[in-house]
């Protein structure tokens, strides 16, 4: 059973959110092996906490009080004034993946909470800039006809953590014209 909280004060869920970020790394700092995971989690927690001061953050919590998803969004007064359309930003959309088959259901319920807020606030345009490597949020947004102007997905390999044998086999150089076909093939595989 899922319980959804409109986290007016997410400080009440600090431990649960930090544990969620540990299980579900979010943001580039949690993927940087040179940064201690505890420091990266603290950084992402502080970002979310600051965001909650002006944005809406909704948590999905399971029966054991573990956070299994969150969505964060805000109304943009400046953009609304400039573009003369009521505009909102979808900043956070994270669902725990790989642990349960219900991740799309959790994500769909969180997205519906966002859509309820959009209708209530008569939002005309939504811009989303998600820092995510997870596919459930992207898949769900596509199912709801969101248009992606730019999507960057990448796989990273930190060769500095490998033994010297691997590092000596890797050669770095700038890409050149003759690499185009190979890069296209790599992109198509991904």
N, C-alpha and C. Protein backbone atom coordinates (compact mmCIF):
# COMPACT_ATOMS: atom_id res chain seq x y z
N UNK A 1 0.84 -1.18 0.00
CA UNK A 1 0.00 0.00 0.00
C UNK A 1 0.89 1.24 0.00
N UNK A 2 0.62 2.18 -0.91
CA UNK A 2 1.39 3.41 -1.00
C UNK A 2 0.67 4.52 -0.24
N UNK A 3 1.42 5.31 0.45
CA UNK A 3 0.89 6.48 1.13
C UNK A 3 1.61 7.68 0.54
N UNK A 4 0.85 8.65 0.07
CA UNK A 4 1.45 9.83 -0.54
C UNK A 4 1.33 11.01 0.40
N UNK A 5 2.44 11.68 0.58
CA UNK A 5 2.46 12.85 1.43
C UNK A 5 2.78 14.08 0.59
N UNK A 6 2.05 15.14 0.80
CA UNK A 6 2.49 16.42 0.27
C UNK A 6 3.41 16.96 1.35
N UNK A 7 4.71 16.86 1.10
CA UNK A 7 5.69 17.17 2.13
C UNK A 7 5.89 18.68 2.25
N UNK A 8 5.04 19.32 3.00
CA UNK A 8 5.18 20.75 3.24
C UNK A 8 6.49 21.00 3.97
N UNK A 9 6.82 20.11 4.87
CA UNK A 9 8.08 20.23 5.59
C UNK A 9 8.84 18.90 5.42
N UNK A 10 9.67 18.83 4.38
CA UNK A 10 10.35 17.56 4.12
C UNK A 10 11.43 17.25 5.16
N UNK A 11 11.71 18.19 6.05
CA UNK A 11 12.67 17.92 7.13
C UNK A 11 12.22 16.72 7.96
N UNK A 12 10.91 16.48 8.00
CA UNK A 12 10.38 15.33 8.74
C UNK A 12 10.81 14.01 8.11
N UNK A 13 11.24 14.05 6.85
CA UNK A 13 11.62 12.83 6.12
C UNK A 13 13.09 12.82 5.77
N UNK A 14 13.90 13.56 6.49
CA UNK A 14 15.33 13.67 6.15
C UNK A 14 16.01 12.30 6.07
N UNK A 15 15.86 11.50 7.10
CA UNK A 15 16.52 10.19 7.11
C UNK A 15 16.03 9.33 5.96
N UNK A 16 14.71 9.30 5.74
CA UNK A 16 14.14 8.46 4.68
C UNK A 16 14.59 8.92 3.29
N UNK A 17 14.68 10.23 3.09
CA UNK A 17 15.09 10.75 1.78
C UNK A 17 16.57 10.45 1.55
N UNK A 18 17.39 10.61 2.57
CA UNK A 18 18.81 10.29 2.43
C UNK A 18 19.01 8.81 2.13
N UNK A 19 18.24 7.96 2.78
CA UNK A 19 18.32 6.52 2.48
C UNK A 19 17.86 6.24 1.05
N UNK A 20 16.84 6.97 0.61
CA UNK A 20 16.35 6.83 -0.77
C UNK A 20 17.45 7.22 -1.76
N UNK A 21 18.14 8.35 -1.51
CA UNK A 21 19.23 8.77 -2.38
C UNK A 21 20.38 7.76 -2.37
N UNK A 22 20.57 7.09 -1.24
CA UNK A 22 21.62 6.07 -1.19
C UNK A 22 21.24 4.86 -2.05
N UNK A 23 19.96 4.47 -1.98
CA UNK A 23 19.49 3.32 -2.78
C UNK A 23 19.32 3.70 -4.24
N UNK A 24 18.96 4.93 -4.50
CA UNK A 24 18.61 5.41 -5.83
C UNK A 24 19.45 6.64 -6.13
N UNK A 25 20.72 6.47 -6.47
CA UNK A 25 21.58 7.63 -6.67
C UNK A 25 20.96 8.62 -7.65
N UNK A 26 20.95 9.88 -7.26
CA UNK A 26 20.34 10.93 -8.06
C UNK A 26 21.28 12.11 -8.15
N UNK A 27 21.52 12.57 -9.37
CA UNK A 27 22.39 13.72 -9.55
C UNK A 27 23.82 13.29 -9.78
N UNK A 28 24.56 14.11 -10.50
CA UNK A 28 25.90 13.70 -10.92
C UNK A 28 26.87 13.52 -9.77
N UNK A 29 26.65 14.19 -8.64
CA UNK A 29 27.59 14.07 -7.53
C UNK A 29 27.54 12.69 -6.90
N UNK A 30 26.40 12.01 -6.98
CA UNK A 30 26.31 10.67 -6.42
C UNK A 30 26.97 9.63 -7.33
N UNK A 31 27.34 10.03 -8.55
CA UNK A 31 28.01 9.10 -9.46
C UNK A 31 29.50 9.39 -9.56
N UNK A 32 29.95 10.44 -8.94
CA UNK A 32 31.36 10.80 -8.97
C UNK A 32 32.08 10.02 -7.88
N UNK A 33 32.91 9.08 -8.28
CA UNK A 33 33.57 8.20 -7.31
C UNK A 33 34.63 8.92 -6.48
N UNK A 34 34.97 10.13 -6.87
CA UNK A 34 35.97 10.89 -6.11
C UNK A 34 35.33 11.62 -4.93
N UNK A 35 34.01 11.67 -4.91
CA UNK A 35 33.29 12.33 -3.82
C UNK A 35 32.72 11.25 -2.91
N UNK A 36 32.93 11.39 -1.61
CA UNK A 36 32.37 10.42 -0.67
C UNK A 36 30.85 10.39 -0.83
N UNK A 37 30.29 9.20 -0.83
CA UNK A 37 28.85 9.07 -1.01
C UNK A 37 28.07 9.84 0.04
N UNK A 38 28.54 9.83 1.28
CA UNK A 38 27.83 10.55 2.34
C UNK A 38 27.81 12.05 2.05
N UNK A 39 28.90 12.59 1.52
CA UNK A 39 28.94 14.01 1.16
C UNK A 39 28.00 14.32 0.01
N UNK A 40 27.98 13.44 -0.98
CA UNK A 40 27.10 13.64 -2.14
C UNK A 40 25.63 13.57 -1.73
N UNK A 41 25.30 12.63 -0.85
CA UNK A 41 23.92 12.52 -0.36
C UNK A 41 23.54 13.78 0.42
N UNK A 42 24.44 14.25 1.24
CA UNK A 42 24.19 15.47 2.01
C UNK A 42 23.96 16.66 1.07
N UNK A 43 24.77 16.74 0.01
CA UNK A 43 24.63 17.81 -0.97
C UNK A 43 23.26 17.75 -1.65
N UNK A 44 22.87 16.55 -2.12
CA UNK A 44 21.58 16.41 -2.81
C UNK A 44 20.42 16.66 -1.85
N UNK A 45 20.57 16.24 -0.60
CA UNK A 45 19.54 16.51 0.41
C UNK A 45 19.37 18.01 0.59
N UNK A 46 20.48 18.74 0.72
CA UNK A 46 20.42 20.18 0.90
C UNK A 46 19.80 20.87 -0.32
N UNK A 47 20.12 20.38 -1.52
CA UNK A 47 19.50 20.93 -2.74
C UNK A 47 17.98 20.76 -2.68
N UNK A 48 17.54 19.56 -2.33
CA UNK A 48 16.10 19.28 -2.27
C UNK A 48 15.44 20.11 -1.17
N UNK A 49 16.10 20.21 -0.03
CA UNK A 49 15.57 21.00 1.08
C UNK A 49 15.41 22.47 0.67
N UNK A 50 16.42 23.03 0.03
CA UNK A 50 16.33 24.42 -0.45
C UNK A 50 15.23 24.57 -1.49
N UNK A 51 15.13 23.57 -2.38
CA UNK A 51 14.10 23.62 -3.41
C UNK A 51 12.70 23.63 -2.79
N UNK A 52 12.52 22.88 -1.72
CA UNK A 52 11.20 22.77 -1.09
C UNK A 52 10.74 24.10 -0.47
N UNK A 53 11.65 25.06 -0.33
CA UNK A 53 11.27 26.37 0.19
C UNK A 53 10.43 27.16 -0.79
N UNK A 54 10.58 26.89 -2.09
CA UNK A 54 9.78 27.60 -3.09
C UNK A 54 9.01 26.66 -4.02
N UNK A 55 9.33 25.38 -3.99
CA UNK A 55 8.64 24.42 -4.84
C UNK A 55 7.81 23.45 -4.03
N UNK A 56 7.06 22.64 -4.73
CA UNK A 56 6.24 21.60 -4.10
C UNK A 56 6.98 20.27 -4.26
N UNK A 57 7.14 19.55 -3.19
CA UNK A 57 7.76 18.23 -3.23
C UNK A 57 6.76 17.23 -2.66
N UNK A 58 6.47 16.20 -3.44
CA UNK A 58 5.55 15.14 -3.00
C UNK A 58 6.34 13.84 -2.93
N UNK A 59 6.20 13.14 -1.84
CA UNK A 59 6.90 11.88 -1.62
C UNK A 59 5.94 10.71 -1.76
N UNK A 60 6.44 9.60 -2.28
CA UNK A 60 5.73 8.32 -2.24
C UNK A 60 6.44 7.49 -1.18
N UNK A 61 5.66 7.01 -0.22
CA UNK A 61 6.22 6.27 0.90
C UNK A 61 5.49 4.93 0.97
N UNK A 62 6.24 3.84 1.16
CA UNK A 62 5.58 2.53 1.25
C UNK A 62 5.13 2.26 2.68
N UNK A 63 4.57 1.09 2.90
CA UNK A 63 4.04 0.73 4.21
C UNK A 63 5.07 0.70 5.31
N UNK A 64 6.35 0.54 4.95
CA UNK A 64 7.43 0.52 5.95
C UNK A 64 8.02 1.91 6.17
N UNK A 65 7.36 2.94 5.66
CA UNK A 65 7.81 4.34 5.78
C UNK A 65 9.09 4.63 5.02
N UNK A 66 9.41 3.82 4.01
CA UNK A 66 10.56 4.11 3.16
C UNK A 66 10.10 4.94 1.97
N UNK A 67 10.88 5.97 1.64
CA UNK A 67 10.58 6.76 0.45
C UNK A 67 10.91 5.91 -0.77
N UNK A 68 9.95 5.81 -1.69
CA UNK A 68 10.16 5.01 -2.90
C UNK A 68 9.99 5.86 -4.16
N UNK A 69 9.76 7.15 -3.98
CA UNK A 69 9.67 8.04 -5.12
C UNK A 69 9.41 9.46 -4.65
N UNK A 70 9.77 10.40 -5.51
CA UNK A 70 9.44 11.79 -5.21
C UNK A 70 9.34 12.58 -6.50
N UNK A 71 8.57 13.64 -6.42
CA UNK A 71 8.40 14.55 -7.55
C UNK A 71 8.43 15.97 -6.99
N UNK A 72 9.08 16.87 -7.70
CA UNK A 72 9.18 18.25 -7.25
C UNK A 72 8.96 19.20 -8.42
N UNK A 73 8.21 20.26 -8.18
CA UNK A 73 7.85 21.18 -9.26
C UNK A 73 7.54 22.55 -8.68
N UNK A 74 7.54 23.56 -9.54
CA UNK A 74 7.23 24.91 -9.08
C UNK A 74 6.67 25.77 -10.21
N UNK A 75 5.92 26.78 -9.82
CA UNK A 75 5.38 27.78 -10.73
C UNK A 75 6.49 28.80 -11.00
N UNK A 76 6.65 29.21 -12.25
CA UNK A 76 7.67 30.18 -12.59
C UNK A 76 7.03 31.53 -12.92
N UNK A 77 7.08 32.42 -11.96
CA UNK A 77 6.48 33.74 -12.13
C UNK A 77 7.20 34.52 -13.23
N UNK A 78 8.52 34.48 -13.24
CA UNK A 78 9.29 35.21 -14.23
C UNK A 78 8.95 34.75 -15.64
N UNK A 79 9.00 33.43 -15.89
CA UNK A 79 8.70 32.91 -17.22
C UNK A 79 7.26 33.20 -17.63
N UNK A 80 6.35 33.13 -16.67
CA UNK A 80 4.95 33.44 -16.95
C UNK A 80 4.80 34.89 -17.40
N UNK A 81 5.49 35.79 -16.74
CA UNK A 81 5.44 37.20 -17.12
C UNK A 81 6.04 37.43 -18.51
N UNK A 82 7.20 36.85 -18.76
CA UNK A 82 7.91 37.05 -20.02
C UNK A 82 7.18 36.41 -21.20
N UNK A 83 6.73 35.16 -21.04
CA UNK A 83 6.14 34.43 -22.16
C UNK A 83 4.61 34.53 -22.22
N UNK A 84 4.03 35.18 -21.21
CA UNK A 84 2.59 35.39 -21.15
C UNK A 84 1.80 34.09 -21.22
N UNK A 85 2.36 33.04 -20.67
CA UNK A 85 1.70 31.74 -20.51
C UNK A 85 2.05 31.26 -19.12
N UNK A 86 1.09 30.66 -18.44
CA UNK A 86 1.36 30.14 -17.09
C UNK A 86 2.31 28.95 -17.22
N UNK A 87 3.49 29.10 -16.66
CA UNK A 87 4.55 28.14 -16.88
C UNK A 87 5.04 27.54 -15.56
N UNK A 88 5.29 26.24 -15.58
CA UNK A 88 5.81 25.54 -14.41
C UNK A 88 7.01 24.70 -14.81
N UNK A 89 7.86 24.42 -13.83
CA UNK A 89 9.02 23.57 -14.04
C UNK A 89 8.85 22.28 -13.25
N UNK A 90 9.10 21.16 -13.90
CA UNK A 90 9.18 19.85 -13.25
C UNK A 90 10.66 19.60 -13.03
N UNK A 91 11.10 19.70 -11.80
CA UNK A 91 12.53 19.66 -11.48
C UNK A 91 12.99 18.28 -11.01
N UNK A 92 12.18 17.63 -10.21
CA UNK A 92 12.54 16.32 -9.66
C UNK A 92 11.47 15.30 -10.06
N UNK A 93 11.91 14.13 -10.47
CA UNK A 93 11.00 13.02 -10.72
C UNK A 93 11.84 11.76 -10.63
N UNK A 94 11.82 11.13 -9.46
CA UNK A 94 12.65 9.96 -9.20
C UNK A 94 11.77 8.86 -8.62
N UNK A 95 11.93 7.67 -9.15
CA UNK A 95 11.20 6.52 -8.65
C UNK A 95 12.21 5.40 -8.42
N UNK A 96 12.10 4.73 -7.29
CA UNK A 96 13.01 3.63 -7.02
C UNK A 96 12.83 2.56 -8.09
N UNK A 97 13.92 2.20 -8.72
CA UNK A 97 13.84 1.26 -9.83
C UNK A 97 14.59 -0.02 -9.50
N UNK A 98 14.12 -1.10 -10.09
CA UNK A 98 14.81 -2.37 -9.98
C UNK A 98 14.49 -3.16 -8.73
N UNK A 99 13.83 -2.56 -7.76
CA UNK A 99 13.53 -3.25 -6.52
C UNK A 99 12.12 -3.83 -6.54
N UNK A 100 11.27 -3.25 -7.35
CA UNK A 100 9.86 -3.65 -7.35
C UNK A 100 9.29 -3.47 -8.75
N UNK A 101 8.29 -4.24 -9.07
CA UNK A 101 7.65 -4.10 -10.37
C UNK A 101 6.67 -2.94 -10.40
N UNK A 102 6.43 -2.34 -9.26
CA UNK A 102 5.43 -1.28 -9.19
C UNK A 102 5.99 0.11 -9.44
N UNK A 103 7.27 0.21 -9.89
CA UNK A 103 7.87 1.53 -10.04
C UNK A 103 7.10 2.42 -11.01
N UNK A 104 6.56 1.82 -12.08
CA UNK A 104 5.79 2.65 -13.03
C UNK A 104 4.47 3.09 -12.42
N UNK A 105 3.88 2.25 -11.58
CA UNK A 105 2.65 2.65 -10.90
C UNK A 105 2.92 3.79 -9.92
N UNK A 106 4.00 3.67 -9.17
CA UNK A 106 4.39 4.74 -8.24
C UNK A 106 4.65 6.02 -9.02
N UNK A 107 5.42 5.91 -10.11
CA UNK A 107 5.71 7.07 -10.94
C UNK A 107 4.46 7.68 -11.54
N UNK A 108 3.55 6.83 -12.02
CA UNK A 108 2.31 7.32 -12.61
C UNK A 108 1.46 8.06 -11.58
N UNK A 109 1.43 7.54 -10.35
CA UNK A 109 0.67 8.21 -9.29
C UNK A 109 1.29 9.55 -8.92
N UNK A 110 2.61 9.61 -8.86
CA UNK A 110 3.28 10.89 -8.58
C UNK A 110 3.02 11.88 -9.72
N UNK A 111 3.10 11.40 -10.94
CA UNK A 111 2.85 12.28 -12.09
C UNK A 111 1.42 12.78 -12.09
N UNK A 112 0.48 11.94 -11.67
CA UNK A 112 -0.92 12.37 -11.59
C UNK A 112 -1.09 13.45 -10.53
N UNK A 113 -0.37 13.34 -9.42
CA UNK A 113 -0.41 14.40 -8.40
C UNK A 113 0.08 15.72 -9.00
N UNK A 114 1.14 15.65 -9.79
CA UNK A 114 1.65 16.83 -10.48
C UNK A 114 0.60 17.38 -11.45
N UNK A 115 -0.02 16.50 -12.22
CA UNK A 115 -1.03 16.94 -13.19
C UNK A 115 -2.24 17.56 -12.49
N UNK A 116 -2.62 17.05 -11.33
CA UNK A 116 -3.69 17.68 -10.54
C UNK A 116 -3.31 19.11 -10.19
N UNK A 117 -2.07 19.31 -9.76
CA UNK A 117 -1.57 20.64 -9.41
C UNK A 117 -1.56 21.54 -10.66
N UNK A 118 -1.15 20.98 -11.79
CA UNK A 118 -1.13 21.74 -13.05
C UNK A 118 -2.54 22.23 -13.41
N UNK A 119 -3.52 21.33 -13.32
CA UNK A 119 -4.91 21.72 -13.64
C UNK A 119 -5.42 22.76 -12.66
N UNK A 120 -5.18 22.54 -11.38
CA UNK A 120 -5.65 23.46 -10.34
C UNK A 120 -5.06 24.87 -10.54
N UNK A 121 -3.80 24.94 -10.97
CA UNK A 121 -3.12 26.21 -11.14
C UNK A 121 -3.16 26.75 -12.57
N UNK A 122 -3.95 26.08 -13.42
CA UNK A 122 -4.14 26.51 -14.81
C UNK A 122 -2.81 26.73 -15.55
N UNK A 123 -1.89 25.80 -15.35
CA UNK A 123 -0.58 25.85 -16.01
C UNK A 123 -0.77 25.51 -17.48
N UNK A 124 -0.15 26.30 -18.36
CA UNK A 124 -0.28 26.10 -19.80
C UNK A 124 0.94 25.41 -20.40
N UNK A 125 2.11 25.61 -19.80
CA UNK A 125 3.35 25.04 -20.32
C UNK A 125 4.14 24.46 -19.16
N UNK A 126 4.68 23.26 -19.37
CA UNK A 126 5.55 22.63 -18.38
C UNK A 126 6.90 22.39 -19.02
N UNK A 127 7.93 22.84 -18.34
CA UNK A 127 9.29 22.57 -18.79
C UNK A 127 9.90 21.64 -17.76
N UNK A 128 10.55 20.61 -18.25
CA UNK A 128 11.17 19.65 -17.35
C UNK A 128 12.65 19.56 -17.66
N UNK A 129 13.44 19.70 -16.63
CA UNK A 129 14.87 19.47 -16.76
C UNK A 129 15.24 18.50 -15.66
N UNK A 130 15.22 17.23 -15.99
CA UNK A 130 15.46 16.18 -15.00
C UNK A 130 16.90 15.71 -15.06
N UNK A 131 17.53 15.67 -13.93
CA UNK A 131 18.87 15.12 -13.81
C UNK A 131 18.70 13.67 -13.41
N UNK A 132 18.54 12.81 -14.40
CA UNK A 132 18.24 11.42 -14.08
C UNK A 132 18.90 10.48 -15.06
N UNK A 133 19.20 9.30 -14.62
CA UNK A 133 19.67 8.26 -15.53
C UNK A 133 18.67 7.10 -15.56
N UNK A 134 17.53 7.30 -14.91
CA UNK A 134 16.55 6.24 -14.80
C UNK A 134 15.49 6.38 -15.88
N UNK A 135 14.97 5.25 -16.32
CA UNK A 135 14.09 5.26 -17.48
C UNK A 135 12.61 5.35 -17.15
N UNK A 136 12.18 4.95 -15.98
CA UNK A 136 10.75 5.01 -15.66
C UNK A 136 10.20 6.43 -15.77
N UNK A 137 10.85 7.45 -15.20
CA UNK A 137 10.32 8.80 -15.36
C UNK A 137 10.25 9.24 -16.83
N UNK A 138 11.30 8.94 -17.60
CA UNK A 138 11.31 9.33 -19.01
C UNK A 138 10.20 8.60 -19.76
N UNK A 139 10.06 7.30 -19.51
CA UNK A 139 9.02 6.51 -20.16
C UNK A 139 7.63 7.05 -19.83
N UNK A 140 7.39 7.37 -18.56
CA UNK A 140 6.08 7.88 -18.14
C UNK A 140 5.79 9.25 -18.76
N UNK A 141 6.79 10.11 -18.81
CA UNK A 141 6.58 11.41 -19.44
C UNK A 141 6.27 11.25 -20.93
N UNK A 142 6.93 10.33 -21.60
CA UNK A 142 6.64 10.08 -23.01
C UNK A 142 5.21 9.57 -23.18
N UNK A 143 4.77 8.69 -22.29
CA UNK A 143 3.41 8.17 -22.37
C UNK A 143 2.37 9.29 -22.22
N UNK A 144 2.74 10.36 -21.53
CA UNK A 144 1.83 11.49 -21.33
C UNK A 144 2.10 12.61 -22.33
N UNK A 145 2.75 12.27 -23.44
CA UNK A 145 2.96 13.18 -24.57
C UNK A 145 3.86 14.37 -24.26
N UNK A 146 4.75 14.23 -23.30
CA UNK A 146 5.77 15.25 -23.12
C UNK A 146 6.72 15.16 -24.31
N UNK A 147 7.20 16.29 -24.74
CA UNK A 147 8.10 16.34 -25.88
C UNK A 147 9.50 16.60 -25.36
N UNK A 148 10.45 15.80 -25.82
CA UNK A 148 11.84 15.96 -25.40
C UNK A 148 12.62 16.66 -26.49
N UNK A 149 13.11 17.84 -26.17
CA UNK A 149 13.94 18.57 -27.11
C UNK A 149 15.39 18.14 -27.01
N UNK A 150 15.76 17.72 -25.84
CA UNK A 150 17.14 17.27 -25.63
C UNK A 150 17.13 16.19 -24.57
N UNK A 151 17.67 15.06 -24.92
CA UNK A 151 17.80 13.97 -23.96
C UNK A 151 19.23 13.49 -24.03
N UNK A 152 19.90 13.53 -22.92
CA UNK A 152 21.28 13.05 -22.88
C UNK A 152 21.32 11.88 -21.91
N UNK A 153 21.69 10.73 -22.42
CA UNK A 153 21.92 9.59 -21.54
C UNK A 153 23.36 9.15 -21.77
N UNK A 154 24.00 8.73 -20.74
CA UNK A 154 25.39 8.35 -20.89
C UNK A 154 25.75 7.27 -19.90
N UNK A 155 26.71 6.50 -20.30
CA UNK A 155 27.27 5.50 -19.41
C UNK A 155 28.65 5.99 -19.05
N UNK A 156 28.99 5.94 -17.80
CA UNK A 156 30.31 6.43 -17.42
C UNK A 156 31.13 5.28 -16.87
N UNK A 157 32.41 5.35 -17.11
CA UNK A 157 33.36 4.38 -16.60
C UNK A 157 34.51 5.16 -16.00
N UNK A 158 34.73 4.99 -14.75
CA UNK A 158 35.80 5.70 -14.06
C UNK A 158 37.04 4.81 -14.11
N UNK A 159 37.92 5.10 -15.07
CA UNK A 159 39.11 4.26 -15.22
C UNK A 159 40.11 4.48 -14.10
N UNK A 160 39.98 5.57 -13.37
CA UNK A 160 40.93 5.81 -12.27
C UNK A 160 40.76 4.78 -11.16
N UNK A 161 39.60 4.16 -11.08
CA UNK A 161 39.39 3.16 -10.03
C UNK A 161 39.87 1.77 -10.45
N UNK A 162 40.22 1.63 -11.72
CA UNK A 162 40.70 0.34 -12.21
C UNK A 162 42.21 0.21 -11.93
N UNK A 163 42.68 -1.00 -12.01
CA UNK A 163 44.11 -1.23 -11.80
C UNK A 163 44.91 -0.64 -12.97
N UNK A 164 46.20 -0.48 -12.77
CA UNK A 164 47.07 0.11 -13.80
C UNK A 164 47.01 -0.64 -15.12
N UNK A 165 46.77 -1.94 -15.10
CA UNK A 165 46.73 -2.71 -16.35
C UNK A 165 45.66 -2.15 -17.29
N UNK A 166 44.51 -1.82 -16.73
CA UNK A 166 43.42 -1.28 -17.56
C UNK A 166 43.75 0.13 -18.02
N UNK A 167 44.27 0.94 -17.12
CA UNK A 167 44.59 2.32 -17.45
C UNK A 167 45.60 2.40 -18.58
N UNK A 168 46.55 1.48 -18.62
CA UNK A 168 47.57 1.52 -19.67
C UNK A 168 46.99 1.14 -21.04
N UNK A 169 45.86 0.43 -21.06
CA UNK A 169 45.23 0.04 -22.33
C UNK A 169 44.34 1.14 -22.91
N UNK A 170 44.02 2.15 -22.14
CA UNK A 170 43.11 3.20 -22.58
C UNK A 170 43.92 4.35 -23.15
N UNK A 171 43.53 4.78 -24.36
CA UNK A 171 44.17 5.94 -24.98
C UNK A 171 43.10 7.00 -25.19
N UNK A 172 43.41 8.21 -24.80
CA UNK A 172 42.49 9.32 -24.94
C UNK A 172 42.93 10.19 -26.12
N UNK A 173 41.94 10.66 -26.89
CA UNK A 173 42.19 11.61 -27.97
C UNK A 173 40.88 12.30 -28.30
N UNK A 174 40.97 13.41 -28.99
CA UNK A 174 39.77 14.09 -29.43
C UNK A 174 39.15 13.31 -30.58
N UNK A 175 37.81 13.33 -30.67
CA UNK A 175 37.12 12.68 -31.79
C UNK A 175 37.45 13.43 -33.08
N UNK A 176 37.43 12.71 -34.18
CA UNK A 176 37.67 13.33 -35.49
C UNK A 176 36.62 12.83 -36.47
N UNK A 177 36.64 13.34 -37.69
CA UNK A 177 35.62 13.00 -38.69
C UNK A 177 35.51 11.50 -38.94
N UNK A 178 36.62 10.79 -38.93
CA UNK A 178 36.57 9.35 -39.22
C UNK A 178 35.85 8.56 -38.12
N UNK A 179 35.60 9.19 -36.97
CA UNK A 179 34.91 8.53 -35.86
C UNK A 179 33.39 8.59 -35.98
N UNK A 180 32.86 9.37 -36.91
CA UNK A 180 31.41 9.61 -36.97
C UNK A 180 30.61 8.32 -37.09
N UNK A 181 31.00 7.43 -37.96
CA UNK A 181 30.23 6.19 -38.16
C UNK A 181 30.26 5.32 -36.90
N UNK A 182 31.41 5.22 -36.27
CA UNK A 182 31.52 4.44 -35.04
C UNK A 182 30.66 5.06 -33.94
N UNK A 183 30.69 6.37 -33.81
CA UNK A 183 29.89 7.05 -32.80
C UNK A 183 28.40 6.86 -33.08
N UNK A 184 27.99 6.87 -34.34
CA UNK A 184 26.58 6.62 -34.69
C UNK A 184 26.18 5.21 -34.26
N UNK A 185 27.04 4.24 -34.51
CA UNK A 185 26.72 2.86 -34.13
C UNK A 185 26.59 2.72 -32.61
N UNK A 186 27.50 3.36 -31.88
CA UNK A 186 27.42 3.32 -30.41
C UNK A 186 26.12 3.96 -29.95
N UNK A 187 25.77 5.11 -30.54
CA UNK A 187 24.53 5.81 -30.16
C UNK A 187 23.31 4.95 -30.46
N UNK A 188 23.29 4.30 -31.61
CA UNK A 188 22.13 3.46 -31.98
C UNK A 188 21.98 2.26 -31.05
N UNK A 189 23.08 1.72 -30.57
CA UNK A 189 23.01 0.59 -29.63
C UNK A 189 22.43 1.01 -28.30
N UNK A 190 22.59 2.28 -27.95
CA UNK A 190 22.11 2.77 -26.66
C UNK A 190 20.75 3.41 -26.77
